[in-house]
Amino acid sequence: MRIERYGNTRYWAVYASDDALICITVYRKGAAEVVRRLQQALEVTQQWQDTSGPTKPLGWNVVPCDLF
């Protein structure tokens, strides 16, 4: 993935390795955060596939809820 200016605008674009546009953000920090989160999700997915399940907690806060 890479971050570049989106044309001649003030916006930032995140592109996949195959040059597909993933998203456009106002700030470069926002684009960097999108890349960070996508890479983190990819790592978790790869860990899941490599071991038939996650090797460590995913970091989600799951709160039990009794709706019924």
N, C-alpha and C. Protein backbone atom coordinates (compact mmCIF):
# COMPACT_ATOMS: atom_id res chain seq x y z
N MET A 1 0.84 -1.17 0.00
CA MET A 1 0.00 0.00 0.00
C MET A 1 0.88 1.23 0.00
N ARG A 2 0.33 2.28 -0.57
CA ARG A 2 1.09 3.52 -0.58
C ARG A 2 0.15 4.71 -0.41
N ILE A 3 0.73 5.81 0.06
CA ILE A 3 -0.02 7.06 0.26
C ILE A 3 0.56 8.10 -0.68
N GLU A 4 -0.32 8.75 -1.43
CA GLU A 4 0.10 9.82 -2.34
C GLU A 4 -0.95 10.92 -2.34
N ARG A 5 -0.55 12.08 -2.83
CA ARG A 5 -1.53 13.14 -3.05
C ARG A 5 -2.54 12.67 -4.08
N TYR A 6 -3.78 13.07 -3.90
CA TYR A 6 -4.84 12.69 -4.83
C TYR A 6 -4.94 13.78 -5.89
N GLY A 7 -4.30 13.53 -7.03
CA GLY A 7 -4.30 14.50 -8.12
C GLY A 7 -3.68 15.81 -7.68
N ASN A 8 -4.26 16.91 -8.13
CA ASN A 8 -3.78 18.24 -7.76
C ASN A 8 -4.67 18.84 -6.68
N THR A 9 -5.05 18.01 -5.71
CA THR A 9 -5.92 18.46 -4.63
C THR A 9 -5.15 18.48 -3.32
N ARG A 10 -5.81 18.89 -2.28
CA ARG A 10 -5.19 18.88 -0.95
C ARG A 10 -5.42 17.55 -0.24
N TYR A 11 -6.08 16.60 -0.89
CA TYR A 11 -6.44 15.34 -0.28
C TYR A 11 -5.34 14.30 -0.47
N TRP A 12 -5.41 13.25 0.34
CA TRP A 12 -4.45 12.15 0.29
C TRP A 12 -5.17 10.87 -0.09
N ALA A 13 -4.54 10.06 -0.92
CA ALA A 13 -5.13 8.81 -1.38
C ALA A 13 -4.31 7.63 -0.88
N VAL A 14 -5.01 6.56 -0.54
CA VAL A 14 -4.36 5.30 -0.18
C VAL A 14 -4.62 4.34 -1.33
N TYR A 15 -3.54 3.80 -1.89
CA TYR A 15 -3.62 2.87 -3.01
C TYR A 15 -3.13 1.50 -2.59
N ALA A 16 -3.76 0.46 -3.11
CA ALA A 16 -3.31 -0.91 -2.89
C ALA A 16 -2.09 -1.18 -3.76
N SER A 17 -1.46 -2.31 -3.54
CA SER A 17 -0.26 -2.64 -4.33
C SER A 17 -0.56 -2.84 -5.81
N ASP A 18 -1.82 -3.12 -6.14
CA ASP A 18 -2.21 -3.26 -7.56
C ASP A 18 -2.76 -1.95 -8.14
N ASP A 19 -2.45 -0.84 -7.47
CA ASP A 19 -2.85 0.52 -7.87
C ASP A 19 -4.34 0.79 -7.76
N ALA A 20 -5.07 -0.06 -7.08
CA ALA A 20 -6.49 0.20 -6.84
C ALA A 20 -6.62 1.24 -5.73
N LEU A 21 -7.51 2.19 -5.93
CA LEU A 21 -7.75 3.23 -4.94
C LEU A 21 -8.56 2.63 -3.79
N ILE A 22 -8.04 2.78 -2.57
CA ILE A 22 -8.73 2.26 -1.39
C ILE A 22 -9.58 3.35 -0.77
N CYS A 23 -8.99 4.52 -0.53
CA CYS A 23 -9.76 5.62 0.05
C CYS A 23 -9.03 6.95 -0.17
N ILE A 24 -9.79 8.01 0.08
CA ILE A 24 -9.25 9.37 0.01
C ILE A 24 -9.52 10.02 1.36
N THR A 25 -8.50 10.67 1.92
CA THR A 25 -8.64 11.32 3.21
C THR A 25 -8.24 12.79 3.10
N VAL A 26 -8.66 13.56 4.09
CA VAL A 26 -8.31 14.97 4.11
C VAL A 26 -6.88 15.14 4.63
N TYR A 27 -6.52 14.36 5.63
CA TYR A 27 -5.21 14.50 6.25
C TYR A 27 -4.32 13.29 5.97
N ARG A 28 -3.03 13.54 5.88
CA ARG A 28 -2.07 12.46 5.66
C ARG A 28 -2.07 11.49 6.86
N LYS A 29 -2.24 12.05 8.06
CA LYS A 29 -2.29 11.19 9.26
C LYS A 29 -3.46 10.23 9.17
N GLY A 30 -4.57 10.68 8.62
CA GLY A 30 -5.73 9.81 8.43
C GLY A 30 -5.42 8.69 7.46
N ALA A 31 -4.73 9.01 6.39
CA ALA A 31 -4.34 7.99 5.41
C ALA A 31 -3.39 6.98 6.05
N ALA A 32 -2.45 7.47 6.86
CA ALA A 32 -1.52 6.57 7.54
C ALA A 32 -2.26 5.65 8.50
N GLU A 33 -3.29 6.15 9.15
CA GLU A 33 -4.08 5.33 10.07
C GLU A 33 -4.86 4.26 9.32
N VAL A 34 -5.39 4.59 8.15
CA VAL A 34 -6.08 3.60 7.32
C VAL A 34 -5.12 2.48 6.94
N VAL A 35 -3.93 2.83 6.52
CA VAL A 35 -2.92 1.83 6.15
C VAL A 35 -2.57 0.97 7.35
N ARG A 36 -2.36 1.60 8.51
CA ARG A 36 -2.01 0.86 9.72
C ARG A 36 -3.09 -0.15 10.08
N ARG A 37 -4.35 0.28 10.04
CA ARG A 37 -5.45 -0.62 10.42
C ARG A 37 -5.64 -1.75 9.41
N LEU A 38 -5.48 -1.45 8.13
CA LEU A 38 -5.60 -2.51 7.13
C LEU A 38 -4.48 -3.53 7.27
N GLN A 39 -3.26 -3.06 7.53
CA GLN A 39 -2.15 -3.99 7.71
C GLN A 39 -2.34 -4.83 8.97
N GLN A 40 -2.87 -4.22 10.03
CA GLN A 40 -3.14 -4.96 11.25
C GLN A 40 -4.20 -6.04 10.99
N ALA A 41 -5.24 -5.69 10.26
CA ALA A 41 -6.29 -6.66 9.94
C ALA A 41 -5.74 -7.80 9.10
N LEU A 42 -4.84 -7.48 8.18
CA LEU A 42 -4.21 -8.52 7.35
C LEU A 42 -3.38 -9.46 8.20
N GLU A 43 -2.62 -8.92 9.15
CA GLU A 43 -1.80 -9.76 10.02
C GLU A 43 -2.67 -10.69 10.86
N VAL A 44 -3.75 -10.18 11.40
CA VAL A 44 -4.65 -11.00 12.21
C VAL A 44 -5.27 -12.10 11.36
N THR A 45 -5.66 -11.75 10.13
CA THR A 45 -6.23 -12.74 9.22
C THR A 45 -5.22 -13.83 8.90
N GLN A 46 -3.98 -13.45 8.66
CA GLN A 46 -2.95 -14.43 8.35
C GLN A 46 -2.67 -15.32 9.55
N GLN A 47 -2.67 -14.76 10.76
CA GLN A 47 -2.47 -15.57 11.96
C GLN A 47 -3.61 -16.57 12.10
N TRP A 48 -4.82 -16.13 11.82
CA TRP A 48 -5.99 -17.00 11.92
C TRP A 48 -5.86 -18.16 10.94
N GLN A 49 -5.47 -17.87 9.71
CA GLN A 49 -5.36 -18.91 8.69
C GLN A 49 -4.20 -19.85 8.98
N ASP A 50 -3.10 -19.33 9.52
CA ASP A 50 -1.92 -20.15 9.79
C ASP A 50 -2.15 -21.15 10.92
N THR A 51 -3.01 -20.82 11.85
CA THR A 51 -3.17 -21.66 13.04
C THR A 51 -4.60 -22.15 13.24
N SER A 52 -5.44 -21.97 12.25
CA SER A 52 -6.86 -22.32 12.38
C SER A 52 -7.52 -21.59 13.53
N GLY A 53 -7.04 -20.43 13.83
CA GLY A 53 -7.59 -19.59 14.89
C GLY A 53 -6.55 -18.58 15.31
N PRO A 54 -6.96 -17.54 16.01
CA PRO A 54 -5.99 -16.50 16.41
C PRO A 54 -5.02 -17.03 17.46
N THR A 55 -3.76 -16.57 17.39
CA THR A 55 -2.76 -16.99 18.37
C THR A 55 -2.78 -16.08 19.58
N LYS A 56 -3.38 -14.91 19.44
CA LYS A 56 -3.48 -13.98 20.56
C LYS A 56 -4.84 -13.31 20.48
N PRO A 57 -5.29 -12.71 21.56
CA PRO A 57 -6.58 -12.01 21.52
C PRO A 57 -6.57 -10.93 20.45
N LEU A 58 -7.71 -10.73 19.83
CA LEU A 58 -7.80 -9.76 18.75
C LEU A 58 -7.82 -8.32 19.25
N GLY A 59 -8.02 -8.12 20.53
CA GLY A 59 -8.03 -6.78 21.07
C GLY A 59 -9.40 -6.14 21.04
N TRP A 60 -10.41 -6.91 20.72
CA TRP A 60 -11.76 -6.36 20.71
C TRP A 60 -12.32 -6.44 22.12
N ASN A 61 -13.02 -5.42 22.51
CA ASN A 61 -13.69 -5.43 23.80
C ASN A 61 -15.09 -5.95 23.60
N VAL A 62 -15.32 -7.18 24.03
CA VAL A 62 -16.64 -7.79 23.86
C VAL A 62 -17.35 -7.71 25.19
N VAL A 63 -18.49 -7.07 25.18
CA VAL A 63 -19.28 -6.92 26.39
C VAL A 63 -20.52 -7.79 26.26
N PRO A 64 -20.74 -8.72 27.19
CA PRO A 64 -21.94 -9.55 27.12
C PRO A 64 -23.19 -8.69 27.24
N CYS A 65 -24.17 -9.07 26.51
CA CYS A 65 -25.41 -8.29 26.50
C CYS A 65 -26.58 -9.26 26.48
N ASP A 66 -27.47 -9.11 27.43
CA ASP A 66 -28.68 -9.93 27.46
C ASP A 66 -29.83 -9.14 26.86
N LEU A 67 -30.17 -9.45 25.63
CA LEU A 67 -31.24 -8.73 24.96
C LEU A 67 -32.60 -9.40 25.17
N PHE A 68 -32.60 -10.68 25.48
CA PHE A 68 -33.87 -11.41 25.58
C PHE A 68 -34.08 -11.92 26.98
